[in-house]
């Protein structure tokens, strides 16, 4: 399958790092088309939200070949685009479904490991500044989208 990934060069980032993010973005899209498990647990007490937990999981082996690459300037930012031919091994999807089954049966939130981080680079090319939980954005923070939005 052909997928395209896009990344904008950030302030403290090189074009090489942005190109790597564009590759990850294209691979992520290929994985999402092959299969993603989304699990959520919401706790409500007396009609008030007490806790809300969401996890998405994608697992498969992806072999990627570069088809094309382009570089442009948009809104005074360098934008890198890569088009990849991705071959996803869907045999790993069975393991993904087993993971989903275990998560939904346990109905408990995983152990928490709350930390603060100054800057977290996400696979979709966005940056997050704020508290994290198990290595992912959680709680108060600001997400900076690749198109400049917040």
Protein backbone atom coordinates (compact mmCIF):
# COMPACT_ATOMS: atom_id res chain seq x y z
CA UNK A 1 0.00 0.00 0.00
CA UNK A 2 1.18 3.53 -0.73
CA UNK A 3 1.16 5.97 2.18
CA UNK A 4 2.42 9.53 2.50
CA UNK A 5 3.97 11.03 5.62
CA UNK A 6 4.46 14.73 6.27
CA UNK A 7 6.65 16.56 8.79
CA UNK A 8 7.49 20.21 9.33
CA UNK A 9 10.94 21.16 10.56
CA UNK A 10 10.59 22.46 14.12
CA UNK A 11 12.66 25.09 15.93
CA UNK A 12 15.17 22.74 17.60
CA UNK A 13 15.13 20.10 14.90
CA UNK A 14 17.13 19.18 11.83
CA UNK A 15 15.73 18.21 8.45
CA UNK A 16 17.03 14.69 9.05
CA UNK A 17 14.91 14.41 12.21
CA UNK A 18 11.86 15.79 10.36
CA UNK A 19 12.42 13.28 7.55
CA UNK A 20 12.47 10.46 10.13
CA UNK A 21 9.17 11.77 11.53
CA UNK A 22 7.69 11.80 8.01
CA UNK A 23 8.71 8.14 7.58
CA UNK A 24 7.11 7.30 10.95
CA UNK A 25 3.95 9.14 9.93
CA UNK A 26 3.69 7.12 6.71
CA UNK A 27 4.35 3.85 8.55
CA UNK A 28 1.75 4.77 11.20
CA UNK A 29 -0.84 5.28 8.49
CA UNK A 30 -0.04 1.86 7.00
CA UNK A 31 -0.41 0.24 10.43
CA UNK A 32 -3.71 2.01 11.07
CA UNK A 33 -5.09 0.71 7.80
CA UNK A 34 -3.97 -2.82 8.73
CA UNK A 35 -5.51 -2.76 12.22
CA UNK A 36 -5.49 -0.69 15.40
CA UNK A 37 -6.95 -1.66 18.76
CA UNK A 38 -8.46 1.17 20.81
CA UNK A 39 -9.34 0.52 24.43
CA UNK A 40 -10.91 3.02 26.83
CA UNK A 41 -12.05 2.98 30.43
CA UNK A 42 -14.20 5.80 31.82
CA UNK A 43 -15.08 6.08 35.50
CA UNK A 44 -18.10 8.18 36.49
CA UNK A 45 -19.19 8.82 40.09
CA UNK A 46 -22.46 10.68 40.80
CA UNK A 47 -22.60 11.88 37.17
CA UNK A 48 -19.09 13.38 37.41
CA UNK A 49 -16.16 12.15 35.38
CA UNK A 50 -13.61 10.70 37.81
CA UNK A 51 -11.14 9.07 35.42
CA UNK A 52 -10.81 8.61 31.69
CA UNK A 53 -8.19 6.37 30.11
CA UNK A 54 -7.65 5.72 26.41
CA UNK A 55 -5.04 3.53 24.76
CA UNK A 56 -4.47 2.74 21.10
CA UNK A 57 -2.23 -0.11 20.04
CA UNK A 58 -0.89 -1.08 16.65
CA UNK A 59 1.52 -3.93 16.15
CA UNK A 60 2.85 -5.45 12.96
CA UNK A 61 6.06 -5.74 11.00
CA UNK A 62 6.27 -3.08 8.30
CA UNK A 63 8.72 -3.20 5.40
CA UNK A 64 8.95 0.24 3.75
CA UNK A 65 10.45 1.32 0.44
CA UNK A 66 10.82 4.98 -0.53
CA UNK A 67 8.77 5.85 -3.63
CA UNK A 68 9.22 9.63 -3.66
CA UNK A 69 10.34 12.50 -1.46
CA UNK A 70 9.68 16.23 -1.69
CA UNK A 71 10.68 19.37 0.16
CA UNK A 72 8.72 22.63 0.16
CA UNK A 73 8.26 25.81 2.18
CA UNK A 74 4.80 26.57 3.61
CA UNK A 75 4.11 29.44 5.99
CA UNK A 76 7.86 30.01 6.40
CA UNK A 77 8.38 26.39 7.48
CA UNK A 78 10.21 23.63 5.67
CA UNK A 79 7.82 20.76 4.93
CA UNK A 80 9.09 17.29 4.07
CA UNK A 81 6.86 14.68 2.42
CA UNK A 82 7.74 11.06 1.77
CA UNK A 83 5.68 8.51 -0.10
CA UNK A 84 6.38 4.93 0.96
CA UNK A 85 5.37 1.55 -0.37
CA UNK A 86 4.57 -0.29 2.88
CA UNK A 87 4.17 -4.04 3.22
CA UNK A 88 2.45 -4.87 6.52
CA UNK A 89 2.70 -8.38 7.98
CA UNK A 90 -0.86 -8.86 9.21
CA UNK A 91 -0.02 -12.08 11.07
CA UNK A 92 0.79 -9.84 14.03
CA UNK A 93 -2.84 -8.68 14.11
CA UNK A 94 -3.83 -11.93 15.90
CA UNK A 95 -1.51 -10.98 18.76
CA UNK A 96 -3.06 -7.51 18.74
CA UNK A 97 -6.55 -8.98 19.13
CA UNK A 98 -5.33 -11.09 22.06
CA UNK A 99 -3.97 -7.93 23.69
CA UNK A 100 -7.37 -6.29 23.29
CA UNK A 101 -9.10 -9.27 24.86
CA UNK A 102 -6.81 -9.16 27.89
CA UNK A 103 -7.23 -5.40 28.31
CA UNK A 104 -11.01 -5.52 28.16
CA UNK A 105 -11.20 -8.48 30.53
CA UNK A 106 -9.00 -6.86 33.18
CA UNK A 107 -11.06 -3.63 33.25
CA UNK A 108 -8.36 -1.97 35.28
CA UNK A 109 -6.19 0.95 34.45
CA UNK A 110 -2.50 0.04 34.04
CA UNK A 111 -0.01 1.07 36.68
CA UNK A 112 0.56 4.79 36.54
CA UNK A 113 3.89 6.38 36.01
CA UNK A 114 3.12 10.10 35.97
CA UNK A 115 5.94 12.48 35.12
CA UNK A 116 6.30 15.98 33.78
CA UNK A 117 8.05 16.58 30.52
CA UNK A 118 9.03 19.77 28.83
CA UNK A 119 8.59 18.49 25.29
CA UNK A 120 7.38 15.15 23.88
CA UNK A 121 7.56 14.38 20.15
CA UNK A 122 4.60 12.26 19.02
CA UNK A 123 4.55 9.78 16.11
CA UNK A 124 2.08 11.92 14.12
CA UNK A 125 4.60 14.77 14.02
CA UNK A 126 2.98 16.87 16.74
CA UNK A 127 4.73 18.04 19.91
CA UNK A 128 3.20 17.87 23.38
CA UNK A 129 4.29 19.92 26.41
CA UNK A 130 2.85 18.93 29.78
CA UNK A 131 2.33 15.93 32.05
CA UNK A 132 2.63 12.41 30.68
CA UNK A 133 1.41 8.99 31.80
CA UNK A 134 3.29 5.85 30.74
CA UNK A 135 5.17 7.84 28.11
CA UNK A 136 2.00 9.39 26.58
CA UNK A 137 0.30 12.80 26.99
CA UNK A 138 -1.98 12.82 30.04
CA UNK A 139 -3.52 15.58 32.08
CA UNK A 140 -2.73 19.22 31.46
CA UNK A 141 -0.63 20.17 28.50
CA UNK A 142 -0.48 21.76 25.07
CA UNK A 143 -0.32 19.80 21.82
CA UNK A 144 1.39 21.61 18.95
CA UNK A 145 0.10 20.22 15.62
CA UNK A 146 2.35 20.06 12.52
CA UNK A 147 0.17 22.67 10.76
CA UNK A 148 0.93 25.20 13.53
CA UNK A 149 -2.33 24.74 15.45
CA UNK A 150 -2.46 24.16 19.23
